[in-house]
Amino acid sequence: MPRELLPNLAVRDLERTKAFFAALGFAFNPQFTDGNAACLIMNDHAWVMLLQAPFFQGFTSRQLTDTSTHTEVLLAFSCESREEVTRLVELALANGGTAARPPQDHGFMYAWSFYDPDGHHWEPFWMDPVAVQPAG
């Protein structure tokens, strides 16, 4: 059974954050979405929990990261094509996100990144399937 990954991110305005990711075409699992949290669906085995900052703080004894000056994590996720990478970043920038880095074209891999409205660093990427053949 594959492991499932659920990173949790603190957000300042849950409704604004949900609207941002909905504009990018993402959906939420209503079973795990309420006034304190939203479960952003990445795929069948990966979700991101978006938690109101005071609610998030209840899960840690450490101070929250100031994402306006520090990067807590880089959230890279695969796309089906270069065009999808470009479309997602352009949608992010048009809906309240900000540019993180310029596009990176390595031939076999293409990536471009943005910060969401809460300052979290996202990097959609595409990798040529021929370049990632299983070792064997």
Foldseek 3Di string as FASTA:
>chain_A
DDAADEAEDEAAQVVLLVVLVVLLVWDWDPVPDDPAWTWTDPDPRYTYIYGHNVVVCVVDPDDDDQLVPDAPDEAEDEDPDPVSQVSSVVSQVVRQKAFDDDWDCPPQKIWGWIAHNSNHIYIYMYGNVVVVPDDD
